[in-house]
Amino acid sequence: MNPELKKIIDNFNNLNDQTRYAVLGGVVLLVILLDVFFLTLPQIGSIADINDQVTKITTDTQQVLTDRARINILKKDLQDKRDLLKSLAGRVRSPQEVPAILSAISSIANEYGVKIDQLTPEKSLQEALTTDGNDKYFALPVVIKASCGYHQFGHFLNRLENEDMFFIMKDFVIQNDDKGSSAHNYSLTIDIILGERPSAKT
């Protein structure tokens, strides 16, 4: 046995019980402290890092799911807008069809008992809207002055909105008939959207 080690053991054995317990307690405490500093703390740090990574992965996963849901919503919204544009494009008439459009408006008015006093396209006020490729779109103002009852005019407008044409109503004015009848005088302008498509030209 190493003389130095034997000397330490002999000195330890010569100590009284209380001192030996104190030394053993100190050694145990030192071992515990070394274990804490060199084993436990690094493991706690590793666990904390893993927890941070798990939290980040969870957050990223939730974000991916949220983005995926948003993408689906955006796709549906885009498809809805395409369907709307397609349906509106089908209602855009050509400038050559203006006489037929005016005739249809007049026929609908007669159908619902609406007396048309004026039905005038303001070609001088026609406004270019936009150009989509080779297609050109215009807004042709049409002045309508009519007289009839509320319900008749309501049916007339509702039928116009369901016709195979696209228009925007503006400058709408209602006046009571001076004769005191149930009829009223209506003055409005509708912008009929027209389109010129090269494929439709002859």
Protein backbone atom coordinates (compact mmCIF):
# COMPACT_ATOMS: atom_id res chain seq x y z
CA MET A 1 0.00 0.00 0.00
CA ASN A 2 1.16 3.51 -0.73
CA PRO A 3 2.75 4.92 2.46
CA GLU A 4 1.02 8.25 1.94
CA LEU A 5 -2.37 6.59 1.55
CA LYS A 6 -1.71 4.36 4.62
CA LYS A 7 -0.78 7.45 6.64
CA ILE A 8 -4.06 9.19 5.60
CA ILE A 9 -6.08 6.07 6.56
CA ASP A 10 -4.33 5.77 9.93
CA ASN A 11 -4.93 9.43 10.70
CA PHE A 12 -8.60 9.01 9.72
CA ASN A 13 -8.96 5.96 12.01
CA ASN A 14 -7.44 7.92 14.90
CA LEU A 15 -10.14 10.54 14.64
CA ASN A 16 -13.11 10.36 16.99
CA ASP A 17 -16.49 9.26 15.60
CA GLN A 18 -17.93 12.76 15.30
CA THR A 19 -14.96 14.02 13.31
CA ARG A 20 -15.00 10.95 11.05
CA TYR A 21 -18.70 11.50 10.32
CA ALA A 22 -18.03 15.14 9.57
CA VAL A 23 -15.21 14.21 7.15
CA LEU A 24 -17.40 11.57 5.48
CA GLY A 25 -20.24 14.07 5.27
CA GLY A 26 -17.89 16.59 3.66
CA VAL A 27 -16.71 14.00 1.13
CA VAL A 28 -20.30 13.02 0.31
CA LEU A 29 -21.26 16.69 -0.03
CA LEU A 30 -18.28 17.26 -2.32
CA VAL A 31 -19.29 14.30 -4.48
CA ILE A 32 -22.84 15.60 -4.64
CA LEU A 33 -21.63 19.08 -5.61
CA LEU A 34 -19.34 17.66 -8.27
CA ASP A 35 -22.23 15.58 -9.60
CA VAL A 36 -24.49 18.63 -9.69
CA PHE A 37 -21.94 20.84 -11.46
CA PHE A 38 -20.52 18.31 -13.90
CA LEU A 39 -23.49 16.00 -14.58
CA THR A 40 -26.86 17.41 -13.51
CA LEU A 41 -26.50 21.03 -14.66
CA PRO A 42 -25.31 20.14 -18.18
CA GLN A 43 -28.20 17.66 -18.46
CA ILE A 44 -30.64 20.34 -17.29
CA GLY A 45 -29.21 22.67 -19.92
CA SER A 46 -29.63 19.98 -22.56
CA ILE A 47 -33.20 19.36 -21.44
CA ALA A 48 -33.88 23.11 -21.62
CA ASP A 49 -32.45 23.21 -25.15
CA ILE A 50 -34.60 20.23 -26.14
CA ASN A 51 -37.65 21.92 -24.62
CA ASP A 52 -36.91 25.09 -26.61
CA GLN A 53 -36.57 23.03 -29.78
CA VAL A 54 -39.84 21.22 -29.07
CA THR A 55 -41.56 24.56 -28.46
CA LYS A 56 -40.14 25.96 -31.71
CA ILE A 57 -41.17 22.86 -33.68
CA THR A 58 -44.68 23.07 -32.18
CA THR A 59 -44.92 26.76 -33.08
CA ASP A 60 -43.61 26.12 -36.61
CA THR A 61 -46.04 23.23 -37.06
CA GLN A 62 -48.95 25.39 -35.93
CA GLN A 63 -47.84 28.15 -38.30
CA VAL A 64 -47.66 25.66 -41.17
CA LEU A 65 -51.18 24.44 -40.39
CA THR A 66 -52.42 28.04 -40.17
CA ASP A 67 -50.72 28.96 -43.46
CA ARG A 68 -52.16 25.85 -45.09
CA ALA A 69 -55.65 26.80 -43.96
CA ARG A 70 -55.11 30.35 -45.23
CA ILE A 71 -53.87 29.03 -48.58
CA ASN A 72 -57.04 26.94 -48.93
CA ILE A 73 -59.15 30.01 -48.09
CA LEU A 74 -57.19 32.15 -50.56
CA LYS A 75 -57.57 29.49 -53.26
CA LYS A 76 -61.33 29.37 -52.70
CA ASP A 77 -61.55 33.17 -52.69
CA LEU A 78 -59.54 33.31 -55.92
CA GLN A 79 -61.75 30.70 -57.55
CA ASP A 80 -64.88 32.58 -56.42
CA LYS A 81 -63.50 35.78 -57.97
CA ARG A 82 -62.65 33.95 -61.20
CA ASP A 83 -66.17 32.53 -61.35
CA LEU A 84 -67.61 36.01 -60.73
CA LEU A 85 -65.42 37.55 -63.43
CA LYS A 86 -66.39 34.77 -65.81
CA SER A 87 -70.09 35.35 -65.17
CA LEU A 88 -69.69 39.12 -65.52
CA ALA A 89 -67.63 38.74 -68.69
CA GLY A 90 -70.49 36.73 -70.15
CA ARG A 91 -72.83 39.68 -69.50
CA VAL A 92 -70.60 42.26 -71.18
CA ARG A 93 -72.14 43.14 -74.51
CA SER A 94 -70.49 44.61 -77.61
CA PRO A 95 -71.08 48.22 -78.79
CA GLN A 96 -72.92 46.83 -81.82
CA GLU A 97 -75.58 45.44 -79.46
CA VAL A 98 -76.57 48.82 -77.97
CA PRO A 99 -79.80 49.08 -80.07
CA ALA A 100 -80.81 45.57 -78.94
CA ILE A 101 -80.06 46.50 -75.30
CA LEU A 102 -82.23 49.63 -75.53
CA SER A 103 -85.00 47.60 -77.13
CA ALA A 104 -84.80 45.04 -74.28
CA ILE A 105 -85.01 47.82 -71.66
CA SER A 106 -88.07 49.26 -73.40
CA SER A 107 -89.74 45.83 -73.61
CA ILE A 108 -89.16 45.14 -69.92
CA ALA A 109 -90.60 48.56 -69.04
CA ASN A 110 -93.74 47.80 -71.07
CA GLU A 111 -94.01 44.38 -69.39
CA TYR A 112 -94.21 45.96 -65.91
CA GLY A 113 -96.28 49.02 -66.84
CA VAL A 114 -93.40 51.47 -66.62
CA LYS A 115 -93.93 54.46 -68.92
CA ILE A 116 -90.59 55.40 -70.51
CA ASP A 117 -90.37 59.14 -71.23
CA GLN A 118 -86.70 59.10 -72.20
CA LEU A 119 -84.21 56.37 -73.04
CA THR A 120 -81.09 58.02 -74.39
CA PRO A 121 -77.55 56.66 -74.73
CA GLU A 122 -74.98 59.42 -74.12
CA LYS A 123 -72.35 58.25 -76.58
CA SER A 124 -70.40 61.50 -76.22
CA LEU A 125 -69.90 60.64 -72.51
CA GLN A 126 -68.81 57.05 -73.14
CA GLU A 127 -65.81 56.33 -70.91
CA ALA A 128 -62.97 53.91 -71.57
CA LEU A 129 -62.54 51.70 -68.52
CA THR A 130 -59.61 49.37 -69.08
CA THR A 131 -57.82 47.18 -71.57
CA ASP A 132 -57.36 43.49 -70.86
CA GLY A 133 -54.94 42.21 -73.48
CA ASN A 134 -56.60 43.01 -76.80
CA ASP A 135 -60.05 43.44 -75.20
CA LYS A 136 -61.30 46.97 -74.53
CA TYR A 137 -64.07 47.89 -72.09
CA PHE A 138 -66.27 50.98 -72.01
CA ALA A 139 -69.00 52.46 -69.83
CA LEU A 140 -71.86 53.88 -71.91
CA PRO A 141 -74.19 56.17 -69.89
CA VAL A 142 -77.88 55.68 -70.70
CA VAL A 143 -80.36 58.22 -69.32
CA ILE A 144 -83.73 56.76 -68.31
CA LYS A 145 -86.72 58.88 -67.35
CA ALA A 146 -89.90 57.04 -66.50
CA SER A 147 -93.12 57.26 -64.51
CA CYS A 148 -94.97 54.52 -62.61
CA GLY A 149 -95.67 53.25 -59.11
CA TYR A 150 -93.00 52.12 -56.61
CA HIS A 151 -93.67 48.41 -57.02
CA GLN A 152 -93.71 48.58 -60.80
CA PHE A 153 -90.38 50.37 -60.91
CA GLY A 154 -88.91 47.94 -58.37
CA HIS A 155 -89.90 44.97 -60.55
CA PHE A 156 -88.47 46.78 -63.57
CA LEU A 157 -85.06 47.31 -61.92
CA ASN A 158 -84.97 43.77 -60.58
CA ARG A 159 -85.62 42.37 -64.05
CA LEU A 160 -82.90 44.59 -65.52
CA GLU A 161 -80.36 43.28 -63.00
CA ASN A 162 -81.17 39.72 -64.09
CA GLU A 163 -80.88 40.48 -67.79
CA ASP A 164 -77.95 39.36 -69.90
CA MET A 165 -76.09 42.67 -69.52
CA PHE A 166 -73.83 44.34 -66.98
CA PHE A 167 -74.59 47.88 -65.79
CA ILE A 168 -73.94 50.24 -62.88
CA MET A 169 -76.76 52.50 -61.68
CA LYS A 170 -76.10 56.11 -60.66
CA ASP A 171 -77.82 59.52 -60.43
CA PHE A 172 -81.10 58.03 -59.21
CA VAL A 173 -83.84 60.60 -58.43
CA ILE A 174 -87.51 60.05 -57.49
CA GLN A 175 -90.11 62.82 -57.64
CA ASN A 176 -93.79 62.80 -56.75
CA ASP A 177 -96.18 63.24 -59.62
CA ASP A 178 -97.57 66.78 -59.64
CA LYS A 179 -101.04 65.40 -60.35
CA GLY A 180 -101.09 63.66 -56.97
CA SER A 181 -101.49 60.17 -58.44
CA SER A 182 -99.78 57.05 -57.12
CA ALA A 183 -97.28 57.27 -59.97
CA HIS A 184 -93.88 58.84 -59.46
CA ASN A 185 -91.30 60.27 -61.82
CA TYR A 186 -87.95 58.52 -61.94
CA SER A 187 -84.72 59.82 -63.39
CA LEU A 188 -81.59 57.72 -63.43
CA THR A 189 -78.47 57.01 -65.42
CA ILE A 190 -77.07 53.52 -65.89
CA ASP A 191 -73.56 52.87 -67.15
CA ILE A 192 -73.79 49.87 -69.45
CA ILE A 193 -70.47 48.02 -69.63
CA LEU A 194 -69.50 47.21 -73.20
CA GLY A 195 -66.54 45.29 -74.51
CA GLU A 196 -64.74 45.01 -77.81
CA ARG A 197 -63.06 41.68 -78.37
CA PRO A 198 -60.92 41.06 -81.49
CA SER A 199 -62.34 37.53 -81.76
CA ALA A 200 -65.84 38.99 -82.02
CA LYS A 201 -64.94 41.35 -84.87
CA THR A 202 -65.99 40.54 -88.40
